[in-house]
C-alpha cells in the first residue's frame, strides 16, 4: 500500500483541514426532523452527534426522533395523501420525479462530498452513488404511466383489475449507501402514489436531510417526511405503527426479522432487502488479470460495505495460485486513506463499532487456523490511526462452516476456497443462509449459464460485478429478503390490487 512523503503529523493535519473545510461547505444547516414540509425539533428536544469516520470528529448535531415524532410524521403523511397526493395523476408524479432527479444532479458535487464525509466512502464512488440516485428517479418517472390495469368480460360480467397506492408507507434505510438507498425507496413509493416516512440510519443521516431540503420546493408538504434517530427509538415504532400500510426495509437480516415481526402486529405488507454472503465462482479458463480486477471490485468496492459484496471466492485449483498472487499484488497497490482524495481506493468503515465487529471476525478466523494472505488488522499508518480503517484482507484455510464464512462481516474481507469438482463447489457456494447475489467468471458461456442457474441467489453477474441496471429486479433468496427493487416489479410492491366485478345483466 502506497506511502506518502512528509511527517505523519503534517499529513494528519492536512486531512483534518481538508475535512473541516469540506464540512463547512456541505453539511446542511438544517439537521432537525422534516415533517409536514417543515424542519422541526424533536418532541423531546433531544439530539445526537453524527461523526466523520475518517477523523472521528463530529460533523453535526441531529434531531433524535422518537415515537411521538413518528406519530407526527405518519399523521402529516396521511393528511398529505388524503388532501392532495391521492389525487395526483401519473403525469403529476412524473413531473415531480424528474424535478427531483434534476435537483440531485444540480447538486451532485455537494451531495457526493457530503456522502464521503458522513459515510467514509471514496469520493469517486460517492459520485457514482449520486448519479445513480438521480437515475432512480428518472427510471421510475419513465414507467409511472405504464400501469393501465386489466379488464375481463364473461357473459354479462365486466371485470376491472386496478392498482391503488397503499397511502402511507414506512421506509428504513441503511448507512452503507445513504443517498442511493433513499432513492431506491422514495422513487417507487412516490411513483406509485404513496406518501412516506423515511428513517435514515443514525450513522449517516445527513444526505437524507439535505435531500429533504432539495425536495422541499418540489414535493407537496407532508408527502415525504424524514425522521432521524435510532432504530429502537424511531425505527421500531415506525415499523409497528398501526397507520402505516406498507414497510420497506434495507439492512441486516437480524434487524429485518424484527421489522417483519413488528409489521406482523398489524398485518402490514413488507419488502425486505437484507444481508448477503455472496459467492464468486472462478473457472479455470479465465484471463487471470481480468479475474483479479473483477474479484477486487466485488469485495472491496465501498470498503466491502455492500450487501451484495462477493465475499466468498471459489477459485478453480488450476488457476488458484495465479489468481491469489494477483489479488495480493492488487491489494498491495491499493491506496488506503482520506476518502476525499481522488486517488483513494479504500476509505474508512462507517464507525468504530463496525471496525470492532470486523476485527472480532478476523480474530476468530485466525484462532480457527485461517491463513491471512494479506491484511487482518488495522493499518499501521499513523495518519489513519484516528479513523475507522481496516486493512483489505484475504483468508484461506477456513472450514466453510466457520462463523466468518457463514455470517456477513460487511467489511473488506474475502474468504478463499479452491475447487476442482463442480458439484462439491456448488454445494458449498449455496451452503449459507443468504441468497442475495453471486458472480461467475469464465469465458465459456455454457458453464457460465449453468453456474448462474445453480447459484441460489436473486441476482447473478457474469464477468462483471456491482453494476445494477434500472429495470433489472434486485433482491434475494432465502434470508436475503422479500420482494424486488430497481424495476417495474417494485411498483407492484407499493400498490394494492383491487378487483371490480360489474354485472351488466
Protein backbone atom coordinates (compact mmCIF):
# COMPACT_ATOMS: atom_id res chain seq x y z
CA UNK A 1 0.00 0.00 0.00
CA UNK A 2 1.35 3.33 -1.08
CA UNK A 3 3.29 5.62 1.26
CA UNK A 4 3.47 9.39 1.15
CA UNK A 5 6.18 11.97 1.87
CA UNK A 6 6.00 14.31 4.82
CA UNK A 7 5.71 13.72 8.54
CA UNK A 8 2.72 11.86 9.93
CA UNK A 9 1.68 14.96 11.86
CA UNK A 10 1.73 17.14 8.76
CA UNK A 11 -0.29 14.62 6.78
CA UNK A 12 -2.77 14.18 9.62
CA UNK A 13 -3.24 17.94 9.86
CA UNK A 14 -3.76 18.06 6.11
CA UNK A 15 -6.57 15.51 6.38
CA UNK A 16 -8.18 17.34 9.29
CA UNK A 17 -8.10 20.67 7.48
CA UNK A 18 -9.49 19.19 4.27
CA UNK A 19 -12.39 17.64 6.16
CA UNK A 20 -13.12 20.78 8.19
CA UNK A 21 -13.25 22.90 5.04
CA UNK A 22 -15.47 20.38 3.29
CA UNK A 23 -17.81 20.13 6.26
CA UNK A 24 -18.16 23.90 6.39
CA UNK A 25 -19.15 23.84 2.73
CA UNK A 26 -21.56 20.89 2.52
CA UNK A 27 -23.03 19.91 5.91
CA UNK A 28 -26.67 21.06 5.77
CA UNK A 29 -27.71 23.91 8.02
CA UNK A 30 -30.97 22.22 8.99
CA UNK A 31 -30.48 18.92 10.79
CA UNK A 32 -33.82 18.65 12.54
CA UNK A 33 -36.74 16.43 11.59
CA UNK A 34 -38.56 17.09 8.32
CA UNK A 35 -42.29 16.68 8.97
CA UNK A 36 -45.20 18.11 7.03
CA UNK A 37 -42.96 20.23 4.86
CA UNK A 38 -41.16 21.89 7.78
CA UNK A 39 -37.92 21.33 9.65
CA UNK A 40 -38.91 20.87 13.29
CA UNK A 41 -37.20 19.89 16.50
CA UNK A 42 -37.91 16.51 18.02
CA UNK A 43 -40.74 16.40 20.53
CA UNK A 44 -38.27 15.85 23.35
CA UNK A 45 -35.73 18.37 22.07
CA UNK A 46 -33.02 15.70 22.04
CA UNK A 47 -30.15 15.43 19.55
CA UNK A 48 -27.31 13.06 18.71
CA UNK A 49 -23.96 13.54 17.01
CA UNK A 50 -23.07 12.21 13.59
CA UNK A 51 -19.34 11.81 13.11
CA UNK A 52 -16.83 11.74 10.29
CA UNK A 53 -15.37 8.20 10.24
CA UNK A 54 -12.14 9.49 8.67
CA UNK A 55 -11.34 11.80 11.59
CA UNK A 56 -13.85 10.66 14.25
CA UNK A 57 -14.80 14.31 14.72
CA UNK A 58 -18.40 15.47 14.99
CA UNK A 59 -19.98 16.71 11.79
CA UNK A 60 -23.34 17.85 13.10
CA UNK A 61 -25.88 17.55 15.89
CA UNK A 62 -29.00 15.85 14.54
CA UNK A 63 -32.53 15.69 15.96
CA UNK A 64 -33.21 12.47 17.85
CA UNK A 65 -36.67 11.34 16.85
CA UNK A 66 -38.78 9.05 18.97
CA UNK A 67 -42.28 7.54 18.93
CA UNK A 68 -44.06 10.89 19.33
CA UNK A 69 -42.20 12.20 16.29
CA UNK A 70 -43.09 9.12 14.28
CA UNK A 71 -46.74 9.71 15.16
CA UNK A 72 -46.47 13.30 13.94
CA UNK A 73 -44.83 12.22 10.70
CA UNK A 74 -47.38 9.50 9.97
CA UNK A 75 -50.23 11.94 10.64
CA UNK A 76 -48.63 14.51 8.31
CA UNK A 77 -48.20 11.89 5.60
CA UNK A 78 -51.85 10.83 5.82
CA UNK A 79 -53.01 14.43 5.68
CA UNK A 80 -50.93 15.00 2.55
CA UNK A 81 -52.23 11.82 0.98
CA UNK A 82 -55.88 12.49 1.69
CA UNK A 83 -55.86 16.18 0.76
CA UNK A 84 -53.56 16.22 -2.24
CA UNK A 85 -51.29 13.36 -3.24
CA UNK A 86 -54.00 10.71 -3.66
CA UNK A 87 -55.47 12.91 -6.38
CA UNK A 88 -52.21 13.30 -8.26
CA UNK A 89 -52.14 11.94 -11.79
CA UNK A 90 -49.33 9.80 -13.21
CA UNK A 91 -48.26 12.89 -15.13
CA UNK A 92 -48.12 14.95 -11.93
CA UNK A 93 -45.96 12.33 -10.25
CA UNK A 94 -43.75 12.01 -13.31
CA UNK A 95 -43.02 15.73 -13.28
CA UNK A 96 -42.17 15.62 -9.57
CA UNK A 97 -39.80 12.68 -10.01
CA UNK A 98 -37.99 14.38 -12.88
CA UNK A 99 -37.61 17.57 -10.88
CA UNK A 100 -36.10 15.59 -8.01
CA UNK A 101 -33.63 13.97 -10.43
CA UNK A 102 -32.69 17.42 -11.75
CA UNK A 103 -32.19 18.75 -8.21
CA UNK A 104 -29.88 15.85 -7.33
CA UNK A 105 -27.83 16.32 -10.49
CA UNK A 106 -27.64 20.09 -9.96
CA UNK A 107 -26.15 19.48 -6.51
CA UNK A 108 -24.17 16.34 -7.34
CA UNK A 109 -20.75 17.54 -6.21
CA UNK A 110 -22.06 18.79 -2.88
CA UNK A 111 -24.00 15.57 -2.24
CA UNK A 112 -21.02 13.38 -3.13
CA UNK A 113 -18.74 15.22 -0.72
CA UNK A 114 -21.40 15.04 1.99
CA UNK A 115 -21.71 11.27 1.49
CA UNK A 116 -17.95 10.91 1.77
CA UNK A 117 -17.84 12.90 4.99
CA UNK A 118 -20.69 11.10 6.71
CA UNK A 119 -20.07 7.56 5.43
CA UNK A 120 -16.35 7.44 4.59
CA UNK A 121 -16.71 6.10 1.05
CA UNK A 122 -14.14 7.31 -1.52
CA UNK A 123 -15.27 10.42 -3.38
CA UNK A 124 -15.00 8.62 -6.71
CA UNK A 125 -17.55 6.07 -5.53
CA UNK A 126 -19.76 8.71 -3.91
CA UNK A 127 -20.12 10.42 -7.28
CA UNK A 128 -21.33 7.14 -8.79
CA UNK A 129 -23.89 6.82 -5.99
CA UNK A 130 -25.24 10.33 -6.53
CA UNK A 131 -25.62 9.83 -10.27
CA UNK A 132 -27.32 6.50 -9.65
CA UNK A 133 -29.72 8.14 -7.19
CA UNK A 134 -30.80 10.64 -9.84
CA UNK A 135 -31.17 7.79 -12.31
CA UNK A 136 -33.60 6.02 -9.96
CA UNK A 137 -35.97 8.96 -10.04
CA UNK A 138 -35.65 9.21 -13.82
CA UNK A 139 -36.32 5.50 -14.26
CA UNK A 140 -39.50 5.50 -12.17
CA UNK A 141 -40.62 8.71 -13.82
CA UNK A 142 -40.32 6.84 -17.10
CA UNK A 143 -42.54 3.92 -16.07
CA UNK A 144 -45.06 5.68 -13.86
CA UNK A 145 -47.64 5.82 -16.69
CA UNK A 146 -47.30 2.18 -17.71
CA UNK A 147 -49.92 0.60 -15.44
CA UNK A 148 -53.14 0.59 -17.42
CA UNK A 149 -54.90 -2.08 -15.37
CA UNK A 150 -56.71 -5.12 -16.79
CA UNK A 151 -60.23 -5.85 -17.97
CA UNK A 152 -62.16 -9.07 -18.48
CA UNK A 153 -65.58 -9.84 -19.84
CA UNK A 154 -67.52 -13.10 -19.43
CA UNK A 155 -71.15 -13.13 -20.41
CA UNK A 156 -72.82 -10.26 -18.59
CA UNK A 157 -69.87 -9.78 -16.29
CA UNK A 158 -67.35 -6.99 -16.76
CA UNK A 159 -64.28 -7.14 -14.56
CA UNK A 160 -61.67 -4.49 -13.84
CA UNK A 161 -58.37 -5.06 -12.03
CA UNK A 162 -56.78 -1.82 -10.87
CA UNK A 163 -53.84 -0.87 -8.69
CA UNK A 164 -54.02 1.73 -5.93
CA UNK A 165 -51.38 3.14 -3.61
CA UNK A 166 -51.25 1.99 -0.01
CA UNK A 167 -51.41 5.55 1.27
CA UNK A 168 -48.65 5.94 3.84
CA UNK A 169 -45.56 3.74 3.77
CA UNK A 170 -42.61 3.43 6.14
CA UNK A 171 -39.11 3.24 4.71
CA UNK A 172 -35.97 2.44 6.70
CA UNK A 173 -32.58 2.64 5.01
CA UNK A 174 -29.02 1.61 5.95
CA UNK A 175 -25.78 3.53 6.30
CA UNK A 176 -23.72 2.00 3.50
CA UNK A 177 -25.34 3.86 0.58
CA UNK A 178 -27.33 6.60 2.31
CA UNK A 179 -28.48 8.75 -0.61
CA UNK A 180 -28.74 5.88 -3.07
CA UNK A 181 -30.84 3.78 -0.71
CA UNK A 182 -33.10 6.77 -0.09
CA UNK A 183 -33.67 6.97 -3.85
CA UNK A 184 -34.35 3.23 -4.07
CA UNK A 185 -37.15 3.71 -1.54
CA UNK A 186 -38.57 7.14 -2.36
CA UNK A 187 -38.70 6.93 -6.16
CA UNK A 188 -41.03 3.90 -6.47
CA UNK A 189 -43.13 4.91 -3.45
CA UNK A 190 -43.82 8.34 -4.94
CA UNK A 191 -44.30 6.92 -8.43
CA UNK A 192 -46.96 4.57 -7.09
CA UNK A 193 -48.77 7.47 -5.43
CA UNK A 194 -47.83 6.94 -1.78
CA UNK A 195 -46.69 9.33 0.92
CA UNK A 196 -43.80 8.22 3.08
CA UNK A 197 -41.98 8.45 6.37
CA UNK A 198 -38.27 7.79 5.80
CA UNK A 199 -35.90 6.90 8.62
CA UNK A 200 -32.23 7.09 7.62
CA UNK A 201 -29.57 5.23 9.56
CA UNK A 202 -28.35 7.06 12.65
CA UNK A 203 -24.75 6.71 11.44
CA UNK A 204 -25.41 8.61 8.19
CA UNK A 205 -28.41 10.96 8.40
CA UNK A 206 -27.02 13.99 6.59
CA UNK A 207 -27.64 13.21 2.93
CA UNK A 208 -31.28 12.32 3.64
CA UNK A 209 -31.71 15.66 5.40
CA UNK A 210 -30.06 17.51 2.54
CA UNK A 211 -32.31 15.63 0.12
CA UNK A 212 -35.28 16.80 2.19
CA UNK A 213 -34.10 20.38 1.67
CA UNK A 214 -33.96 19.79 -2.07
CA UNK A 215 -37.41 18.17 -2.09
CA UNK A 216 -38.94 20.97 -0.07
CA UNK A 217 -39.77 23.12 -3.06
CA UNK A 218 -40.74 20.20 -5.30
CA UNK A 219 -42.90 17.76 -3.35
CA UNK A 220 -46.12 18.90 -1.63
CA UNK A 221 -45.86 19.29 2.13
CA UNK A 222 -46.14 16.01 4.01
CA UNK A 223 -45.66 13.73 1.02
CA UNK A 224 -42.09 12.96 2.16
CA UNK A 225 -41.18 13.08 5.85
CA UNK A 226 -37.73 12.34 7.30
CA UNK A 227 -37.35 11.28 10.94
CA UNK A 228 -33.77 10.82 12.11
CA UNK A 229 -32.99 8.76 15.16
CA UNK A 230 -32.01 5.34 16.45
CA UNK A 231 -33.54 2.06 15.42
CA UNK A 232 -35.09 1.12 18.75
CA UNK A 233 -36.41 4.66 19.34
CA UNK A 234 -37.66 5.66 15.87
CA UNK A 235 -37.39 2.66 13.57
CA UNK A 236 -39.20 0.31 15.92
CA UNK A 237 -42.32 2.48 16.42
CA UNK A 238 -42.36 3.30 12.71
CA UNK A 239 -42.35 -0.33 11.56
CA UNK A 240 -45.05 -1.33 14.06
CA UNK A 241 -47.22 1.77 13.55
CA UNK A 242 -50.90 0.83 13.05
CA UNK A 243 -51.45 3.57 10.47
CA UNK A 244 -48.58 2.51 8.21
CA UNK A 245 -49.83 0.33 5.38
CA UNK A 246 -46.51 -0.83 3.97
CA UNK A 247 -42.98 -1.23 5.38
CA UNK A 248 -39.84 -1.30 3.23
CA UNK A 249 -36.54 -2.01 4.96
CA UNK A 250 -32.95 -2.43 3.84
CA UNK A 251 -30.40 -3.63 6.38
CA UNK A 252 -29.17 -6.67 8.23
CA UNK A 253 -31.08 -9.93 8.31
CA UNK A 254 -31.25 -9.82 12.11
CA UNK A 255 -32.96 -6.43 12.12
CA UNK A 256 -35.07 -7.44 9.11
CA UNK A 257 -36.54 -10.28 11.13
CA UNK A 258 -37.52 -7.82 13.85
CA UNK A 259 -39.04 -5.47 11.28
CA UNK A 260 -41.08 -8.36 9.90
CA UNK A 261 -42.25 -9.23 13.42
CA UNK A 262 -43.24 -5.62 14.05
CA UNK A 263 -45.16 -5.39 10.79
CA UNK A 264 -46.98 -8.63 11.57
CA UNK A 265 -48.69 -6.98 14.55
CA UNK A 266 -50.88 -5.07 12.10
CA UNK A 267 -50.61 -7.47 9.14
CA UNK A 268 -48.62 -4.79 7.32
CA UNK A 269 -47.08 -5.68 3.97
CA UNK A 270 -43.27 -5.72 3.85
CA UNK A 271 -40.40 -5.72 1.43
CA UNK A 272 -37.01 -6.56 2.87
CA UNK A 273 -33.59 -6.25 1.25
CA UNK A 274 -31.29 -7.93 3.74
CA UNK A 275 -27.82 -9.36 4.14
CA UNK A 276 -25.67 -11.43 1.86
CA UNK A 277 -22.64 -13.69 1.77
CA UNK A 278 -22.29 -13.86 -1.97
CA UNK A 279 -20.09 -16.37 -3.80
CA UNK A 280 -17.82 -15.52 -6.72
CA UNK A 281 -17.05 -18.62 -8.81
CA UNK A 282 -13.90 -18.55 -10.95
CA UNK A 283 -13.38 -21.21 -13.63
CA UNK A 284 -10.05 -22.44 -14.96
CA UNK A 285 -10.33 -20.72 -18.35
CA UNK A 286 -10.24 -17.15 -17.04
CA UNK A 287 -7.88 -14.39 -18.03
CA UNK A 288 -6.16 -14.00 -14.67
CA UNK A 289 -5.62 -10.20 -14.67
CA UNK A 290 -9.24 -9.65 -15.63
CA UNK A 291 -10.43 -12.08 -12.96
CA UNK A 292 -8.32 -10.32 -10.35
CA UNK A 293 -9.83 -6.98 -11.29
CA UNK A 294 -13.38 -8.32 -11.05
CA UNK A 295 -12.79 -10.08 -7.73
CA UNK A 296 -11.17 -6.98 -6.26
CA UNK A 297 -14.14 -4.84 -7.23
CA UNK A 298 -16.61 -7.45 -5.99
CA UNK A 299 -15.29 -7.43 -2.42
CA UNK A 300 -13.53 -4.11 -1.89
CA UNK A 301 -15.94 -1.66 -3.52
CA UNK A 302 -17.32 0.66 -0.81
CA UNK A 303 -14.75 -0.90 1.57
CA UNK A 304 -16.70 -4.14 1.49
CA UNK A 305 -19.78 -2.48 2.98
CA UNK A 306 -22.12 -3.81 0.30
CA UNK A 307 -24.95 -6.23 0.97
CA UNK A 308 -24.17 -7.99 -2.32
CA UNK A 309 -20.37 -7.97 -1.88
CA UNK A 310 -18.62 -11.01 -3.33
CA UNK A 311 -17.20 -12.16 -0.01
CA UNK A 312 -16.62 -15.87 -0.69
CA UNK A 313 -14.25 -16.74 -3.53
CA UNK A 314 -14.39 -20.19 -5.12
CA UNK A 315 -11.42 -20.35 -7.48
CA UNK A 316 -10.54 -23.38 -9.60
CA UNK A 317 -7.36 -25.03 -8.39
CA UNK A 318 -5.72 -24.80 -11.84
CA UNK A 319 -5.60 -21.01 -11.61
CA UNK A 320 -5.83 -20.50 -7.84
CA UNK A 321 -2.15 -19.70 -7.22
CA UNK A 322 -2.03 -17.16 -10.03
CA UNK A 323 -5.30 -15.53 -9.03
CA UNK A 324 -4.34 -15.29 -5.37
CA UNK A 325 -0.90 -13.90 -6.20
CA UNK A 326 -2.62 -11.34 -8.39
CA UNK A 327 -5.02 -10.39 -5.59
CA UNK A 328 -2.19 -9.93 -3.12
CA UNK A 329 -0.39 -7.67 -5.60
CA UNK A 330 -3.58 -5.73 -6.32
CA UNK A 331 -4.18 -5.13 -2.63
CA UNK A 332 -0.60 -4.01 -2.15
CA UNK A 333 -1.20 -1.35 -4.78
CA UNK A 334 -4.39 -0.03 -3.22
CA UNK A 335 -4.46 3.45 -1.78
CA UNK A 336 -5.95 3.41 1.74
CA UNK A 337 -6.51 6.86 3.09
CA UNK A 338 -8.50 10.05 3.02
CA UNK A 339 -11.67 9.34 1.01
CA UNK A 340 -11.84 12.95 -0.16
CA UNK A 341 -8.66 12.43 -2.20
CA UNK A 342 -9.21 11.32 -5.79
CA UNK A 343 -6.57 8.59 -5.65
CA UNK A 344 -8.02 6.82 -2.58
CA UNK A 345 -9.28 3.30 -3.24
CA UNK A 346 -10.41 2.36 0.27
CA UNK A 347 -11.74 4.74 2.86
CA UNK A 348 -12.70 4.05 6.46
CA UNK A 349 -15.56 1.91 7.64
CA UNK A 350 -18.57 3.81 8.84
CA UNK A 351 -17.91 3.66 12.59
CA UNK A 352 -15.66 2.35 15.33
CA UNK A 353 -18.37 -0.19 16.18
CA UNK A 354 -18.12 -1.62 12.68
CA UNK A 355 -14.32 -1.75 12.95
CA UNK A 356 -14.56 -3.67 16.21
CA UNK A 357 -17.09 -6.06 14.70
CA UNK A 358 -14.87 -6.79 11.71
CA UNK A 359 -11.79 -7.31 13.87
CA UNK A 360 -13.70 -9.78 16.04
CA UNK A 361 -14.40 -11.90 12.96
CA UNK A 362 -10.76 -11.69 11.91
CA UNK A 363 -9.57 -12.75 15.34
CA UNK A 364 -11.96 -15.70 15.30
CA UNK A 365 -10.71 -16.67 11.84
CA UNK A 366 -7.12 -16.54 12.99
CA UNK A 367 -7.91 -18.64 16.08
CA UNK A 368 -9.51 -21.22 13.77
CA UNK A 369 -6.34 -21.58 11.72
CA UNK A 370 -7.18 -19.22 8.87
CA UNK A 371 -4.13 -18.21 6.81
CA UNK A 372 -4.03 -14.48 6.18
CA UNK A 373 -2.57 -13.94 2.73
CA UNK A 374 -2.67 -10.22 3.38
CA UNK A 375 -4.30 -7.83 5.84
CA UNK A 376 -6.04 -8.92 9.02
CA UNK A 377 -5.79 -5.81 11.17
CA UNK A 378 -5.97 -2.04 11.23
CA UNK A 379 -3.42 -0.22 9.02
CA UNK A 380 -0.23 0.78 10.80
CA UNK A 381 -0.13 4.24 9.21
CA UNK A 382 -0.24 6.85 11.99
CA UNK A 383 -2.26 9.18 9.79
CA UNK A 384 -5.09 6.65 9.73
CA UNK A 385 -4.97 5.82 13.44
CA UNK A 386 -7.84 8.14 14.38
CA UNK A 387 -10.08 6.85 11.62
CA UNK A 388 -12.21 3.74 11.25
CA UNK A 389 -9.88 1.78 8.98
CA UNK A 390 -9.44 -1.95 8.42
CA UNK A 391 -6.92 -3.48 6.03
CA UNK A 392 -8.23 -5.32 2.97
CA UNK A 393 -7.91 -8.97 3.94
CA UNK A 394 -7.64 -12.35 2.19
CA UNK A 395 -8.14 -15.51 4.26
CA UNK A 396 -7.59 -19.08 3.15
CA UNK A 397 -7.85 -22.34 5.06
CA UNK A 398 -11.08 -21.83 6.98
CA UNK A 399 -13.72 -24.51 7.19
CA UNK A 400 -16.80 -23.44 5.31
CA UNK A 401 -18.97 -23.76 8.42
CA UNK A 402 -16.88 -21.19 10.34
CA UNK A 403 -18.79 -18.11 11.51
CA UNK A 404 -16.55 -15.79 9.49
CA UNK A 405 -17.63 -17.67 6.37
CA UNK A 406 -21.27 -18.17 7.25
CA UNK A 407 -22.03 -14.68 8.59
CA UNK A 408 -21.97 -11.30 6.88
CA UNK A 409 -18.85 -9.42 8.01
CA UNK A 410 -19.70 -6.31 5.97
CA UNK A 411 -16.11 -5.29 5.56
CA UNK A 412 -13.10 -5.69 3.25
CA UNK A 413 -12.66 -9.40 3.98
CA UNK A 414 -12.58 -12.18 1.37
CA UNK A 415 -12.54 -15.89 2.24
CA UNK A 416 -10.93 -18.13 -0.37
CA UNK A 417 -11.76 -21.73 -1.31
CA UNK A 418 -10.10 -23.80 -4.05
CA UNK A 419 -12.15 -26.26 -6.03
CA UNK A 420 -11.82 -28.96 -8.65
CA UNK A 421 -15.18 -30.77 -8.55
CA UNK A 422 -18.07 -28.58 -9.73
CA UNK A 423 -20.83 -30.28 -7.75
CA UNK A 424 -18.90 -30.14 -4.48
CA UNK A 425 -18.03 -26.49 -5.05
CA UNK A 426 -21.62 -25.52 -5.84
CA UNK A 427 -22.87 -27.28 -2.76
CA UNK A 428 -20.58 -25.08 -0.66
CA UNK A 429 -21.44 -21.96 -2.66
CA UNK A 430 -25.08 -22.46 -1.66
CA UNK A 431 -24.32 -23.57 1.90
CA UNK A 432 -25.21 -20.29 3.63
CA UNK A 433 -28.46 -18.79 4.89
CA UNK A 434 -28.19 -15.95 2.39
CA UNK A 435 -29.00 -15.73 -1.30
CA UNK A 436 -28.72 -12.13 -2.41
CA UNK A 437 -26.19 -12.23 -5.24
CA UNK A 438 -23.36 -14.11 -6.87
CA UNK A 439 -20.71 -13.81 -9.52
CA UNK A 440 -19.40 -16.12 -12.23
CA UNK A 441 -16.13 -15.52 -14.09
CA UNK A 442 -15.50 -17.62 -17.20
CA UNK A 443 -15.24 -17.31 -20.97
CA UNK A 444 -17.38 -20.42 -21.51
CA UNK A 445 -21.00 -19.31 -21.94
CA UNK A 446 -22.33 -22.81 -21.28
CA UNK A 447 -20.66 -23.22 -17.91
CA UNK A 448 -21.44 -19.58 -17.09
CA UNK A 449 -25.14 -20.22 -17.65
CA UNK A 450 -25.03 -23.46 -15.71
CA UNK A 451 -23.35 -21.85 -12.70
CA UNK A 452 -25.63 -18.79 -12.78
CA UNK A 453 -28.67 -21.06 -12.67
CA UNK A 454 -27.22 -23.29 -9.95
CA UNK A 455 -26.31 -20.47 -7.53
CA UNK A 456 -29.21 -19.93 -5.14
CA UNK A 457 -29.38 -16.16 -5.29
CA UNK A 458 -31.58 -13.46 -6.73
CA UNK A 459 -29.01 -11.54 -8.80
CA UNK A 460 -26.09 -13.10 -10.66
CA UNK A 461 -23.34 -11.27 -12.51
CA UNK A 462 -21.35 -12.98 -15.26
CA UNK A 463 -17.96 -11.39 -15.93
CA UNK A 464 -18.91 -8.20 -14.09
CA UNK A 465 -19.98 -7.18 -10.59
CA UNK A 466 -21.94 -4.44 -8.81
CA UNK A 467 -23.36 -2.90 -11.99
CA UNK A 468 -27.04 -2.58 -11.09
CA UNK A 469 -29.11 -1.54 -14.07
CA UNK A 470 -32.50 0.12 -13.52
CA UNK A 471 -35.14 -2.20 -14.92
CA UNK A 472 -33.46 -5.43 -13.79
CA UNK A 473 -35.04 -6.61 -10.50
CA UNK A 474 -32.70 -6.74 -7.49
CA UNK A 475 -33.47 -8.83 -4.43
CA UNK A 476 -32.63 -12.01 -2.63
CA UNK A 477 -33.47 -15.63 -1.99
CA UNK A 478 -33.61 -17.30 1.43
CA UNK A 479 -32.79 -14.95 4.33
CA UNK A 480 -31.62 -12.19 1.99
CA UNK A 481 -35.06 -10.71 1.73
CA UNK A 482 -38.55 -10.46 0.30
CA UNK A 483 -39.50 -8.52 -2.83
CA UNK A 484 -37.55 -6.78 -5.58
CA UNK A 485 -36.20 -3.28 -6.13
CA UNK A 486 -34.93 -1.26 -9.13
CA UNK A 487 -37.60 -2.44 -11.55
CA UNK A 488 -41.23 -2.28 -12.61
CA UNK A 489 -41.81 -5.12 -10.13
CA UNK A 490 -41.04 -2.62 -7.38
CA UNK A 491 -44.11 -0.56 -8.21
CA UNK A 492 -46.26 -3.61 -7.51
CA UNK A 493 -44.77 -3.73 -4.01
CA UNK A 494 -46.06 -0.20 -3.39
CA UNK A 495 -49.57 -0.77 -4.73
CA UNK A 496 -52.65 -2.75 -3.74
CA UNK A 497 -54.76 -4.70 -6.21
CA UNK A 498 -58.47 -4.03 -6.40
CA UNK A 499 -60.95 -6.09 -8.42
CA UNK A 500 -64.24 -4.55 -9.56
CA UNK A 501 -66.77 -7.12 -10.73
CA UNK A 502 -69.68 -5.43 -12.53
CA UNK A 503 -72.86 -7.24 -13.59
CA UNK A 504 -74.27 -5.83 -16.81
CA UNK A 505 -77.21 -8.23 -16.95
